[in-house]
Amino acid sequence: FFSPRSRLHVFSLCRPSPTMEGKSITPFQNFFAGWFAAGAARTVACPFEITKVQLQTDDDARGVVATVKRMYQKEGWAGFYKGNIVGIIRIPLYSYSQLLSIKVLMAVCEPFFGPDVTGPPWAIMNLGGVLATIFTAPLDTVKTKLQVTPGLDNSAYQCPCCFVRDCLKRAWACASDTVAKGGWAALFAGLLPSVLAHVPQGLTRMCVQTQLPKLLGSDLSEISHTEAFVLGCLSLAVAEAVWLPLDAVRRRSQKGDPQAQDGVGTGIRAMQRKRGIAGLWSGVSANALRVLPYNATLVASYEMLTSLFVQI
């Protein structure tokens, strides 16, 4: 389960890699390869994510280039990796809570399935994702708070280990401060827009993945690995772009914006009054730039490690 083909929607169209055919790796090796690949992908794409979050939560931010320059001048390279450690920790917790949720739901709903069902239906897959989102919401909140909080100075870090240690300390301090000020419920800020966006995003991805090949005159089962990768990236970028306003409300609510915390509708109206209709899609260009390096790193890292494990 813990592999890019199930962890990320890009690979729902990919066929098994030739290097894996007829051979197997242990569950621990698959776990390590999946976690390493997803962590490497998050690290590569983290500057784009930080830029997107800054554009969504800072009403004074204007444009990707200007935001990147301002962040680099204030915090250096360290500012582009705030909250990344928390995101990496969240990866296995999200994936395996989703797996457990799907298994339980499949067991409960098995009497209602027909004999031809060989895997989890789309609805159960998305419901499992919703439950995993709820379970890991505190980590997501802490990650966002770290991303929008200035104060890092890369000159203070003599080595990467010092940076990681400081990030872990900041994460614990952020979580403790959040609970002290708003109680445990504060760690679940922005949960409603996260849940509301999950199912329509999955539906949008599925529509793009199934309908675009038909419009181009191709059969979905006959596309190549490269075409599947491009189609997966495109469907992911389109789905996230369409429902980006909900993501913006989530980020602002996690940051502590009182209007966003009053409700999804209130948060969207407040953003529209401050920044106009286009402001609801702030960060869409940074998000689109993030998709390709994230997925490319994910593919390369996972295939490299699994091939290595097969050979040794």
Protein backbone atom coordinates (compact mmCIF):
# COMPACT_ATOMS: atom_id res chain seq x y z
CA PHE A 1 0.00 0.00 0.00
CA PHE A 2 2.73 2.47 0.93
CA SER A 3 3.92 3.22 -2.58
CA PRO A 4 3.52 6.11 -5.02
CA ARG A 5 0.97 4.11 -7.00
CA SER A 6 -1.43 4.18 -4.07
CA ARG A 7 -0.01 7.09 -2.05
CA LEU A 8 -0.37 9.52 -4.94
CA HIS A 9 -3.17 9.73 -7.47
CA VAL A 10 -0.72 10.16 -10.35
CA PHE A 11 0.05 6.46 -10.35
CA SER A 12 -3.48 5.12 -10.47
CA LEU A 13 -2.92 4.88 -14.23
CA CYS A 14 0.56 3.33 -14.16
CA ARG A 15 1.27 -0.29 -14.87
CA PRO A 16 3.84 -2.24 -12.77
CA SER A 17 7.45 -1.37 -13.40
CA PRO A 18 9.35 -3.94 -15.47
CA THR A 19 12.05 -4.09 -12.76
CA MET A 20 9.46 -5.39 -10.29
CA GLU A 21 7.85 -8.03 -12.49
CA GLY A 22 8.28 -11.54 -11.12
CA LYS A 23 10.14 -10.31 -8.04
CA SER A 24 9.07 -9.00 -4.69
CA ILE A 25 10.37 -6.84 -1.89
CA THR A 26 9.59 -7.08 1.81
CA PRO A 27 6.86 -4.92 3.39
CA PHE A 28 9.50 -3.02 5.34
CA GLN A 29 11.45 -2.28 2.15
CA ASN A 30 8.26 -1.08 0.48
CA PHE A 31 7.50 1.08 3.52
CA PHE A 32 10.98 2.61 3.53
CA ALA A 33 10.98 3.21 -0.23
CA GLY A 34 7.56 4.86 -0.12
CA TRP A 35 8.39 7.06 2.87
CA PHE A 36 11.77 8.06 1.46
CA ALA A 37 10.30 8.85 -1.96
CA ALA A 38 7.43 10.91 -0.56
CA GLY A 39 9.77 12.69 1.84
CA ALA A 40 12.24 13.49 -0.92
CA ALA A 41 9.39 14.75 -3.12
CA ARG A 42 8.09 16.97 -0.32
CA THR A 43 11.56 18.38 0.25
CA VAL A 44 12.11 19.18 -3.43
CA ALA A 45 8.69 20.80 -3.79
CA CYS A 46 8.64 22.51 -0.37
CA PRO A 47 9.75 25.95 -1.66
CA PHE A 48 6.77 25.98 -4.05
CA GLU A 49 4.40 24.97 -1.26
CA ILE A 50 5.75 27.64 1.09
CA THR A 51 5.32 30.24 -1.65
CA LYS A 52 1.74 29.10 -2.27
CA VAL A 53 0.85 29.29 1.42
CA GLN A 54 2.38 32.75 1.73
CA LEU A 55 0.32 33.97 -1.23
CA GLN A 56 -2.84 32.47 0.29
CA THR A 57 -2.42 33.81 3.82
CA ASP A 58 -0.60 37.14 3.38
CA ASP A 59 -2.81 39.86 1.90
CA ASP A 60 0.28 41.93 1.06
CA ALA A 61 1.93 39.16 -1.01
CA ARG A 62 1.82 39.79 -4.74
CA GLY A 63 3.21 37.38 -7.32
CA VAL A 64 5.41 34.31 -7.09
CA VAL A 65 8.72 36.01 -7.94
CA ALA A 66 8.18 38.94 -5.56
CA THR A 67 7.17 36.60 -2.74
CA VAL A 68 10.20 34.37 -3.26
CA LYS A 69 12.56 37.37 -3.24
CA ARG A 70 11.01 38.78 -0.08
CA MET A 71 11.18 35.45 1.75
CA TYR A 72 14.80 34.87 0.74
CA GLN A 73 15.84 38.35 1.87
CA LYS A 74 14.21 37.86 5.28
CA GLU A 75 15.04 34.23 6.09
CA GLY A 76 17.42 32.84 3.47
CA TRP A 77 17.15 29.29 2.22
CA ALA A 78 15.87 28.01 5.59
CA GLY A 79 12.65 29.95 5.13
CA PHE A 80 11.67 27.73 2.20
CA TYR A 81 11.71 24.56 4.33
CA LYS A 82 9.67 25.63 7.34
CA GLY A 83 7.34 22.86 8.44
CA ASN A 84 8.82 20.30 6.05
CA ILE A 85 9.87 17.93 8.85
CA VAL A 86 6.30 17.85 10.17
CA GLY A 87 5.04 17.10 6.67
CA ILE A 88 7.43 14.17 6.34
CA ILE A 89 6.34 12.79 9.71
CA ARG A 90 2.71 13.06 8.62
CA ILE A 91 3.23 10.92 5.48
CA PRO A 92 3.15 7.40 7.01
CA LEU A 93 0.50 8.35 9.55
CA TYR A 94 -1.82 9.56 6.80
CA SER A 95 -1.16 6.61 4.51
CA TYR A 96 -1.63 3.87 7.07
CA SER A 97 -4.64 5.49 8.73
CA GLN A 98 -6.18 5.64 5.26
CA LEU A 99 -5.34 1.98 4.69
CA LEU A 100 -6.85 0.96 8.04
CA SER A 101 -9.98 3.01 7.35
CA ILE A 102 -10.41 1.41 3.93
CA LYS A 103 -9.97 -2.10 5.35
CA VAL A 104 -12.55 -1.48 8.09
CA LEU A 105 -15.02 0.09 5.65
CA MET A 106 -14.56 -2.78 3.21
CA ALA A 107 -15.25 -5.29 5.98
CA VAL A 108 -18.39 -3.42 7.05
CA CYS A 109 -19.71 -2.93 3.52
CA GLU A 110 -18.69 -6.33 2.11
CA PRO A 111 -22.24 -7.80 2.28
CA PHE A 112 -23.43 -5.02 -0.03
CA PHE A 113 -20.78 -5.61 -2.72
CA GLY A 114 -21.32 -7.82 -5.71
CA PRO A 115 -19.05 -10.77 -6.55
CA ASP A 116 -17.30 -8.77 -9.28
CA VAL A 117 -15.80 -6.20 -6.89
CA THR A 118 -12.04 -6.83 -6.70
CA GLY A 119 -10.93 -3.68 -4.90
CA PRO A 120 -12.18 -0.76 -2.81
CA PRO A 121 -14.82 1.30 -4.63
CA TRP A 122 -14.09 4.96 -5.32
CA ALA A 123 -16.41 6.15 -2.54
CA ILE A 124 -14.68 4.02 0.10
CA MET A 125 -11.23 5.13 -1.08
CA ASN A 126 -12.26 8.78 -0.67
CA LEU A 127 -13.97 8.18 2.66
CA GLY A 128 -10.78 6.53 3.89
CA GLY A 129 -8.89 9.63 2.78
CA VAL A 130 -11.33 11.85 4.67
CA LEU A 131 -10.84 9.83 7.88
CA ALA A 132 -7.05 9.98 7.44
CA THR A 133 -7.30 13.75 6.95
CA ILE A 134 -9.19 14.05 10.24
CA PHE A 135 -6.69 11.82 12.06
CA THR A 136 -3.64 13.80 10.89
CA ALA A 137 -5.24 17.27 11.06
CA PRO A 138 -3.16 18.37 14.10
CA LEU A 139 0.09 17.78 12.21
CA ASP A 140 -1.25 19.68 9.20
CA THR A 141 -2.20 22.61 11.43
CA VAL A 142 1.24 22.73 13.05
CA LYS A 143 2.89 22.53 9.63
CA THR A 144 0.89 25.50 8.32
CA LYS A 145 1.57 27.59 11.45
CA LEU A 146 5.30 26.97 11.04
CA GLN A 147 5.12 27.88 7.35
CA VAL A 148 3.51 31.27 7.99
CA THR A 149 5.62 32.17 11.05
CA PRO A 150 8.80 34.16 10.27
CA GLY A 151 11.95 33.98 12.29
CA LEU A 152 14.30 31.41 10.77
CA ASP A 153 17.90 32.45 10.13
CA ASN A 154 19.95 30.08 8.00
CA SER A 155 23.21 31.58 9.30
CA ALA A 156 22.42 29.95 12.67
CA TYR A 157 22.61 26.42 11.24
CA GLN A 158 26.06 24.91 10.94
CA CYS A 159 24.81 21.63 9.47
CA PRO A 160 21.55 20.03 8.25
CA CYS A 161 21.22 18.12 11.55
CA CYS A 162 21.13 21.42 13.45
CA PHE A 163 18.36 22.61 11.16
CA VAL A 164 16.34 19.42 11.66
CA ARG A 165 16.78 19.55 15.44
CA ASP A 166 15.66 23.17 15.54
CA CYS A 167 12.65 22.41 13.34
CA LEU A 168 11.53 19.63 15.69
CA LYS A 169 11.86 21.95 18.68
CA ARG A 170 9.87 24.64 16.88
CA ALA A 171 7.17 22.12 15.94
CA TRP A 172 6.76 20.96 19.54
CA ALA A 173 6.72 24.54 20.81
CA CYS A 174 4.15 25.50 18.16
CA ALA A 175 1.85 22.60 19.07
CA SER A 176 2.15 23.33 22.79
CA ASP A 177 1.44 27.03 22.27
CA THR A 178 -1.56 26.27 20.05
CA VAL A 179 -3.10 23.98 22.67
CA ALA A 180 -2.35 26.44 25.49
CA LYS A 181 -4.09 29.31 23.68
CA GLY A 182 -7.02 27.56 22.01
CA GLY A 183 -7.28 24.12 23.52
CA TRP A 184 -7.05 20.83 21.67
CA ALA A 185 -9.73 21.97 19.22
CA ALA A 186 -7.31 24.58 17.86
CA LEU A 187 -5.22 21.77 16.36
CA PHE A 188 -8.19 20.91 14.13
CA ALA A 189 -8.59 24.40 12.67
CA GLY A 190 -9.46 24.32 8.98
CA LEU A 191 -10.71 20.75 9.14
CA LEU A 192 -14.11 21.47 7.53
CA PRO A 193 -12.73 22.98 4.28
CA SER A 194 -10.19 20.13 4.15
CA VAL A 195 -12.96 17.54 4.31
CA LEU A 196 -15.22 19.45 1.92
CA ALA A 197 -12.46 19.66 -0.70
CA HIS A 198 -11.35 16.02 -0.49
CA VAL A 199 -14.21 14.30 -2.33
CA PRO A 200 -14.71 16.89 -5.12
CA GLN A 201 -10.96 16.95 -5.74
CA GLY A 202 -10.98 13.17 -6.16
CA LEU A 203 -13.97 13.40 -8.48
CA THR A 204 -12.29 16.10 -10.56
CA ARG A 205 -9.11 14.03 -10.87
CA MET A 206 -11.10 11.01 -11.96
CA CYS A 207 -13.02 13.02 -14.57
CA VAL A 208 -9.83 14.49 -16.06
CA GLN A 209 -8.05 11.11 -16.08
CA THR A 210 -10.93 9.32 -17.79
CA GLN A 211 -12.25 12.00 -20.13
CA LEU A 212 -9.09 13.66 -21.44
CA PRO A 213 -7.78 10.51 -23.22
CA LYS A 214 -11.20 10.11 -24.86
CA LEU A 215 -11.08 13.70 -26.12
CA LEU A 216 -7.63 13.01 -27.58
CA GLY A 217 -8.83 9.80 -29.21
CA SER A 218 -6.81 7.44 -27.00
CA ASP A 219 -7.76 4.47 -24.88
CA LEU A 220 -6.93 4.77 -21.19
CA SER A 221 -5.63 1.20 -20.96
CA GLU A 222 -3.19 1.70 -23.85
CA ILE A 223 -1.36 4.85 -22.83
CA SER A 224 2.36 4.69 -22.11
CA HIS A 225 4.07 5.25 -18.76
CA THR A 226 5.08 8.77 -19.80
CA GLU A 227 1.57 9.61 -20.94
CA ALA A 228 0.16 8.23 -17.69
CA PHE A 229 2.58 10.37 -15.69
CA VAL A 230 1.70 13.53 -17.62
CA LEU A 231 -2.01 12.79 -17.38
CA GLY A 232 -1.73 12.17 -13.64
CA CYS A 233 0.17 15.42 -13.08
CA LEU A 234 -2.34 17.34 -15.19
CA SER A 235 -5.35 15.87 -13.40
CA LEU A 236 -3.79 16.64 -10.00
CA ALA A 237 -2.97 20.24 -10.98
CA VAL A 238 -6.46 20.85 -12.40
CA ALA A 239 -8.23 19.35 -9.39
CA GLU A 240 -6.20 21.36 -6.90
CA ALA A 241 -6.63 24.56 -8.94
CA VAL A 242 -10.42 24.21 -9.21
CA TRP A 243 -10.89 23.76 -5.47
CA LEU A 244 -8.06 26.10 -4.36
CA PRO A 245 -10.41 28.57 -2.57
CA LEU A 246 -11.26 25.87 -0.02
CA ASP A 247 -7.55 25.23 0.51
CA ALA A 248 -7.01 28.97 1.01
CA VAL A 249 -9.72 29.08 3.70
CA ARG A 250 -8.11 26.07 5.38
CA ARG A 251 -4.68 27.72 5.45
CA ARG A 252 -6.03 31.02 6.76
CA SER A 253 -8.04 29.23 9.43
CA GLN A 254 -4.97 27.27 10.54
CA LYS A 255 -2.99 30.51 10.63
CA GLY A 256 -5.57 31.95 13.05
CA ASP A 257 -7.64 34.24 10.82
CA PRO A 258 -10.88 34.77 12.82
CA GLN A 259 -13.01 35.30 9.71
CA ALA A 260 -11.84 32.01 8.18
CA GLN A 261 -12.49 30.27 11.49
CA ASP A 262 -16.08 31.55 11.54
CA GLY A 263 -16.94 29.26 8.63
CA VAL A 264 -16.12 28.40 5.04
CA GLY A 265 -18.61 30.85 3.56
CA THR A 266 -17.49 33.67 5.85
CA GLY A 267 -13.86 33.01 5.02
CA ILE A 268 -14.45 33.01 1.26
CA ARG A 269 -16.48 36.25 1.42
CA ALA A 270 -13.79 37.93 3.52
CA MET A 271 -11.08 36.94 1.03
CA GLN A 272 -13.22 38.14 -1.88
CA ARG A 273 -13.74 41.56 -0.24
CA LYS A 274 -10.03 41.99 0.49
CA ARG A 275 -8.51 40.64 -2.71
CA GLY A 276 -11.30 40.27 -5.26
CA ILE A 277 -12.45 37.12 -7.02
CA ALA A 278 -8.95 36.42 -8.33
CA GLY A 279 -7.67 36.51 -4.74
CA LEU A 280 -9.51 33.26 -4.03
CA TRP A 281 -7.05 31.56 -6.36
CA SER A 282 -3.92 33.17 -4.95
CA GLY A 283 -1.01 30.76 -5.22
CA VAL A 284 -2.45 28.79 -8.14
CA SER A 285 0.69 29.34 -10.24
CA ALA A 286 3.02 28.25 -7.41
CA ASN A 287 0.85 25.18 -6.86
CA ALA A 288 1.00 24.28 -10.54
CA LEU A 289 4.79 24.64 -10.54
CA ARG A 290 4.96 22.29 -7.52
CA VAL A 291 3.18 19.35 -9.20
CA LEU A 292 5.84 18.33 -11.73
CA PRO A 293 8.98 18.31 -9.52
CA TYR A 294 7.04 16.64 -6.71
CA ASN A 295 5.78 13.78 -8.83
CA ALA A 296 8.99 13.41 -10.84
CA THR A 297 11.03 13.11 -7.63
CA LEU A 298 8.48 10.68 -6.23
CA VAL A 299 8.69 8.40 -9.27
CA ALA A 300 12.47 8.50 -9.56
CA SER A 301 13.12 7.95 -5.84
CA TYR A 302 10.67 5.10 -5.44
CA GLU A 303 11.73 3.24 -8.59
CA MET A 304 15.41 3.70 -7.74
CA LEU A 305 15.01 2.25 -4.23
CA THR A 306 12.72 -0.61 -5.20
CA SER A 307 15.09 -1.58 -8.04
CA LEU A 308 17.98 -1.49 -5.58
CA PHE A 309 16.09 -3.68 -3.11
CA VAL A 310 15.30 -6.19 -5.85
CA GLN A 311 18.97 -6.47 -6.81
CA ILE A 312 20.40 -6.94 -3.31
